[in-house]
Amino acid sequence: MIKIESANFDEKVVKSDLPVLIDFWAAWCGPCKLMAPVFEELSTQYEGKIRFGKLNVDENQDIAAKYGVMSIPTLILFDKGMEVDRIVGFAPRPVLKAKIEVLAKKVL
């Protein structure tokens, strides 16, 4: 799991040799807290295939605005620096896992 910030976005996402799935979140967001352990668990499952990162929208408002993140949690999958797909809102573990499986098939 990598911490994504405005300062390292190009290095960690745009120039990444692997697809990157970013969790746009905030500390005050209840649904974000519920989704965090599932996101963490899935990050180990896809290690070496997809990088998982977290971006705090309160600390990196410029990136959130650039990608039109209007509600959180929002997961955006990037491949070669381009947005491939996104998941908006909380999803229970089985739904989130199934959605990430679909996203993974788009880039793997």
Protein backbone atom coordinates (compact mmCIF):
# COMPACT_ATOMS: atom_id res chain seq x y z
CA MET A 1 0.00 0.00 0.00
CA ILE A 2 1.46 3.33 -1.02
CA LYS A 3 0.59 6.82 0.15
CA ILE A 4 -0.30 8.99 -2.82
CA GLU A 5 0.09 12.75 -2.53
CA SER A 6 0.22 15.69 -4.92
CA ALA A 7 4.03 15.69 -4.62
CA ASN A 8 4.45 12.03 -5.68
CA PHE A 9 1.41 11.51 -7.94
CA ASP A 10 3.39 11.58 -11.20
CA GLU A 11 6.08 9.26 -9.87
CA LYS A 12 3.74 6.74 -8.17
CA VAL A 13 0.80 6.79 -10.60
CA VAL A 14 1.54 8.37 -13.99
CA LYS A 15 4.95 6.71 -14.38
CA SER A 16 4.02 3.42 -12.69
CA ASP A 17 4.86 0.25 -14.58
CA LEU A 18 1.85 -1.42 -12.93
CA PRO A 19 -1.79 -0.32 -12.85
CA VAL A 20 -2.61 1.69 -9.72
CA LEU A 21 -5.89 1.56 -7.81
CA ILE A 22 -6.27 4.65 -5.61
CA ASP A 23 -8.65 4.96 -2.69
CA PHE A 24 -9.68 8.62 -2.40
CA TRP A 25 -10.65 8.97 1.27
CA ALA A 26 -10.75 11.26 4.32
CA ALA A 27 -10.28 10.63 8.04
CA TRP A 28 -13.79 11.87 8.88
CA CYS A 29 -15.50 9.59 6.32
CA GLY A 30 -17.32 6.68 8.00
CA PRO A 31 -17.77 4.59 4.82
CA CYS A 32 -14.06 5.10 4.05
CA LYS A 33 -13.17 3.59 7.44
CA LEU A 34 -15.42 0.59 6.75
CA MET A 35 -13.86 -0.02 3.35
CA ALA A 36 -10.23 0.43 4.47
CA PRO A 37 -9.62 -3.13 5.79
CA VAL A 38 -11.11 -4.69 2.66
CA PHE A 39 -8.96 -2.45 0.46
CA GLU A 40 -5.90 -3.42 2.51
CA GLU A 41 -6.72 -7.12 2.23
CA LEU A 42 -7.19 -6.92 -1.53
CA SER A 43 -3.90 -5.04 -1.88
CA THR A 44 -2.04 -8.13 -0.67
CA GLN A 45 -4.04 -10.40 -2.97
CA TYR A 46 -3.02 -8.41 -6.07
CA GLU A 47 0.55 -7.66 -4.99
CA GLY A 48 2.83 -7.54 -8.02
CA LYS A 49 -0.13 -7.09 -10.40
CA ILE A 50 -1.85 -3.90 -9.24
CA ARG A 51 -0.48 -1.27 -6.87
CA PHE A 52 -2.92 -0.05 -4.24
CA GLY A 53 -2.63 3.46 -2.91
CA LYS A 54 -4.52 5.83 -0.65
CA LEU A 55 -4.97 9.54 -1.27
CA ASN A 56 -6.37 11.77 1.48
CA VAL A 57 -8.69 14.24 -0.27
CA ASP A 58 -8.40 16.83 2.51
CA GLU A 59 -4.61 16.95 2.12
CA ASN A 60 -4.58 16.67 -1.69
CA GLN A 61 -7.57 18.66 -2.89
CA ASP A 62 -5.88 19.50 -6.19
CA ILE A 63 -5.69 15.85 -7.29
CA ALA A 64 -9.24 15.11 -6.09
CA ALA A 65 -10.52 18.12 -8.06
CA LYS A 66 -8.49 17.21 -11.16
CA TYR A 67 -10.19 13.81 -11.32
CA GLY A 68 -13.64 15.08 -10.34
CA VAL A 69 -13.88 13.19 -7.07
CA MET A 70 -17.14 14.56 -5.66
CA SER A 71 -17.91 11.92 -3.03
CA ILE A 72 -15.85 9.47 -1.03
CA PRO A 73 -14.86 6.77 -0.90
CA THR A 74 -14.00 6.74 -4.58
CA LEU A 75 -11.63 4.18 -6.08
CA ILE A 76 -10.00 5.08 -9.40
CA LEU A 77 -7.98 2.60 -11.42
CA PHE A 78 -5.14 4.11 -13.45
CA ASP A 79 -3.18 2.32 -16.14
CA LYS A 80 -0.22 4.06 -17.77
CA GLY A 81 -1.30 7.26 -16.04
CA MET A 82 -4.81 7.25 -17.52
CA GLU A 83 -8.07 6.62 -15.68
CA VAL A 84 -9.49 3.25 -16.71
CA ASP A 85 -12.47 3.00 -14.37
CA ARG A 86 -13.86 4.06 -11.01
CA ILE A 87 -16.00 2.82 -8.16
CA VAL A 88 -17.92 5.47 -6.20
CA GLY A 89 -19.27 4.91 -2.72
CA PHE A 90 -19.04 2.21 -0.11
CA ALA A 91 -19.34 -1.38 -1.24
CA PRO A 92 -19.49 -4.44 1.05
CA ARG A 93 -16.56 -6.86 0.86
CA PRO A 94 -18.05 -9.31 -1.72
CA VAL A 95 -19.22 -6.48 -3.99
CA LEU A 96 -15.93 -4.60 -3.76
CA LYS A 97 -13.94 -7.75 -4.41
CA ALA A 98 -16.07 -8.57 -7.46
CA LYS A 99 -15.71 -5.03 -8.81
CA ILE A 100 -11.94 -5.09 -8.36
CA GLU A 101 -11.84 -8.44 -10.18
CA VAL A 102 -13.61 -6.76 -13.12
CA LEU A 103 -11.20 -3.81 -13.00
CA ALA A 104 -8.21 -6.16 -12.87
CA LYS A 105 -9.37 -7.91 -16.04
CA LYS A 106 -9.32 -4.58 -17.86
CA VAL A 107 -5.63 -4.06 -17.20
CA LEU A 108 -4.10 -7.52 -16.71
